Amino acid sequence: MVAVVKVQRIIEVDVPGLGGQIKSARQRKQQEGMTMTALASAVGMSVQNWYRIEKETQTLTEEVLIKIENALDVSFGVKFDD
């Protein structure tokens, strides 16, 4: 058996205004009849966490961002420089 060493790379990017963009998209979705509870559930988070993201007081992973984009049917265009 060959021993392996795993190397992990974590990249963070600042996205000013992302919380506001998420909030605006969420409000549009709510006008279409989607509840806040249903949106948070679709992403797998609590409503409280969702609001923390909108207020930009919580960090989110790329995976969660993608789930939010899918739930809201939008793309926020967040890119990671490689």
C-alpha atoms as a PDB file:
ATOM      1  CA  MET A   1       0.000   0.000   0.000  1.00  0.00           C
ATOM      2  CA  VAL A   2       1.313   3.441  -0.961  1.00  0.00           C
ATOM      3  CA  ALA A   3       1.107   6.189   1.630  1.00  0.00           C
ATOM      4  CA  VAL A   4      -0.355   9.486   0.480  1.00  0.00           C
ATOM      5  CA  VAL A   5      -0.366  12.969   1.860  1.00  0.00           C
ATOM      6  CA  LYS A   6      -3.420  15.068   1.167  1.00  0.00           C
ATOM      7  CA  VAL A   7      -2.962  18.773   0.556  1.00  0.00           C
ATOM      8  CA  GLN A   8      -5.936  21.080   0.918  1.00  0.00           C
ATOM      9  CA  ARG A   9      -6.222  24.562  -0.542  1.00  0.00           C
ATOM     10  CA  ILE A  10      -8.779  27.017   0.779  1.00  0.00           C
ATOM     11  CA  ILE A  11      -9.418  30.205  -1.161  1.00  0.00           C
ATOM     12  CA  GLU A  12     -11.479  33.071   0.210  1.00  0.00           C
ATOM     13  CA  VAL A  13     -12.723  36.024  -1.796  1.00  0.00           C
ATOM     14  CA  ASP A  14     -14.418  39.180  -0.554  1.00  0.00           C
ATOM     15  CA  VAL A  15     -17.638  39.923  -2.409  1.00  0.00           C
ATOM     16  CA  PRO A  16     -18.877  43.371  -1.352  1.00  0.00           C
ATOM     17  CA  GLY A  17     -22.639  43.693  -1.545  1.00  0.00           C
ATOM     18  CA  LEU A  18     -23.312  39.966  -1.972  1.00  0.00           C
ATOM     19  CA  GLY A  19     -25.651  39.948   1.035  1.00  0.00           C
ATOM     20  CA  GLY A  20     -27.741  42.689  -0.538  1.00  0.00           C
ATOM     21  CA  GLN A  21     -27.832  40.875  -3.869  1.00  0.00           C
ATOM     22  CA  ILE A  22     -29.029  37.710  -2.133  1.00  0.00           C
ATOM     23  CA  LYS A  23     -31.672  39.708  -0.250  1.00  0.00           C
ATOM     24  CA  SER A  24     -32.991  41.342  -3.442  1.00  0.00           C
ATOM     25  CA  ALA A  25     -33.170  38.001  -5.253  1.00  0.00           C
ATOM     26  CA  ARG A  26     -34.886  36.433  -2.231  1.00  0.00           C
ATOM     27  CA  GLN A  27     -37.472  39.216  -2.114  1.00  0.00           C
ATOM     28  CA  ARG A  28     -38.250  38.681  -5.825  1.00  0.00           C
ATOM     29  CA  LYS A  29     -38.676  34.965  -5.177  1.00  0.00           C
ATOM     30  CA  GLN A  30     -40.993  35.717  -2.253  1.00  0.00           C
ATOM     31  CA  GLN A  31     -43.096  37.955  -4.504  1.00  0.00           C
ATOM     32  CA  GLU A  32     -43.507  34.896  -6.718  1.00  0.00           C
ATOM     33  CA  GLY A  33     -44.912  33.023  -3.715  1.00  0.00           C
ATOM     34  CA  MET A  34     -41.856  31.202  -2.317  1.00  0.00           C
ATOM     35  CA  THR A  35     -41.677  31.399   1.459  1.00  0.00           C
ATOM     36  CA  MET A  36     -38.525  32.204   3.401  1.00  0.00           C
ATOM     37  CA  THR A  37     -38.822  28.852   5.175  1.00  0.00           C
ATOM     38  CA  ALA A  38     -39.017  26.999   1.857  1.00  0.00           C
ATOM     39  CA  LEU A  39     -35.977  28.845   0.499  1.00  0.00           C
ATOM     40  CA  ALA A  40     -33.868  28.167   3.586  1.00  0.00           C
ATOM     41  CA  SER A  41     -34.978  24.541   3.584  1.00  0.00           C
ATOM     42  CA  ALA A  42     -34.009  24.161  -0.092  1.00  0.00           C
ATOM     43  CA  VAL A  43     -30.503  25.294   0.816  1.00  0.00           C
ATOM     44  CA  GLY A  44     -30.373  23.170   3.968  1.00  0.00           C
ATOM     45  CA  MET A  45     -30.015  26.014   6.450  1.00  0.00           C
ATOM     46  CA  SER A  46     -32.075  27.845   9.023  1.00  0.00           C
ATOM     47  CA  VAL A  47     -33.874  31.080   8.283  1.00  0.00           C
ATOM     48  CA  GLN A  48     -31.641  32.739  10.901  1.00  0.00           C
ATOM     49  CA  ASN A  49     -28.489  31.672   9.014  1.00  0.00           C
ATOM     50  CA  TRP A  50     -29.951  32.992   5.758  1.00  0.00           C
ATOM     51  CA  TYR A  51     -30.561  36.382   7.364  1.00  0.00           C
ATOM     52  CA  ARG A  52     -26.989  36.426   8.745  1.00  0.00           C
ATOM     53  CA  ILE A  53     -25.706  35.901   5.209  1.00  0.00           C
ATOM     54  CA  GLU A  54     -27.890  38.749   3.919  1.00  0.00           C
ATOM     55  CA  LYS A  55     -26.518  40.997   6.701  1.00  0.00           C
ATOM     56  CA  GLU A  56     -22.997  39.872   5.746  1.00  0.00           C
ATOM     57  CA  THR A  57     -22.244  38.706   9.289  1.00  0.00           C
ATOM     58  CA  GLN A  58     -21.657  35.085   8.307  1.00  0.00           C
ATOM     59  CA  THR A  59     -19.152  33.479   5.974  1.00  0.00           C
ATOM     60  CA  LEU A  60     -20.530  30.967   3.511  1.00  0.00           C
ATOM     61  CA  THR A  61     -18.898  28.214   1.546  1.00  0.00           C
ATOM     62  CA  GLU A  62     -18.902  28.034  -2.215  1.00  0.00           C
ATOM     63  CA  GLU A  63     -21.152  24.979  -1.900  1.00  0.00           C
ATOM     64  CA  VAL A  64     -23.762  26.941   0.074  1.00  0.00           C
ATOM     65  CA  LEU A  65     -23.536  29.870  -2.354  1.00  0.00           C
ATOM     66  CA  ILE A  66     -24.292  27.508  -5.239  1.00  0.00           C
ATOM     67  CA  LYS A  67     -27.288  26.113  -3.342  1.00  0.00           C
ATOM     68  CA  ILE A  68     -28.562  29.652  -2.725  1.00  0.00           C
ATOM     69  CA  GLU A  69     -28.120  30.510  -6.411  1.00  0.00           C
ATOM     70  CA  ASN A  70     -30.035  27.365  -7.386  1.00  0.00           C
ATOM     71  CA  ALA A  71     -32.859  28.074  -4.921  1.00  0.00           C
ATOM     72  CA  LEU A  72     -33.161  31.645  -6.213  1.00  0.00           C
ATOM     73  CA  ASP A  73     -32.620  30.761  -9.900  1.00  0.00           C
ATOM     74  CA  VAL A  74     -29.808  33.318 -10.223  1.00  0.00           C
ATOM     75  CA  SER A  75     -26.042  33.531 -10.561  1.00  0.00           C
ATOM     76  CA  PHE A  76     -24.171  36.086  -8.502  1.00  0.00           C
ATOM     77  CA  GLY A  77     -21.042  35.712 -10.646  1.00  0.00           C
ATOM     78  CA  VAL A  78     -18.645  34.989  -7.797  1.00  0.00           C
ATOM     79  CA  LYS A  79     -15.284  33.928  -9.219  1.00  0.00           C
ATOM     80  CA  PHE A  80     -12.212  32.514  -7.555  1.00  0.00           C
ATOM     81  CA  ASP A  81      -8.847  33.540  -8.987  1.00  0.00           C
ATOM     82  CA  ASP A  82      -6.710  30.484  -9.600  1.00  0.00           C
END
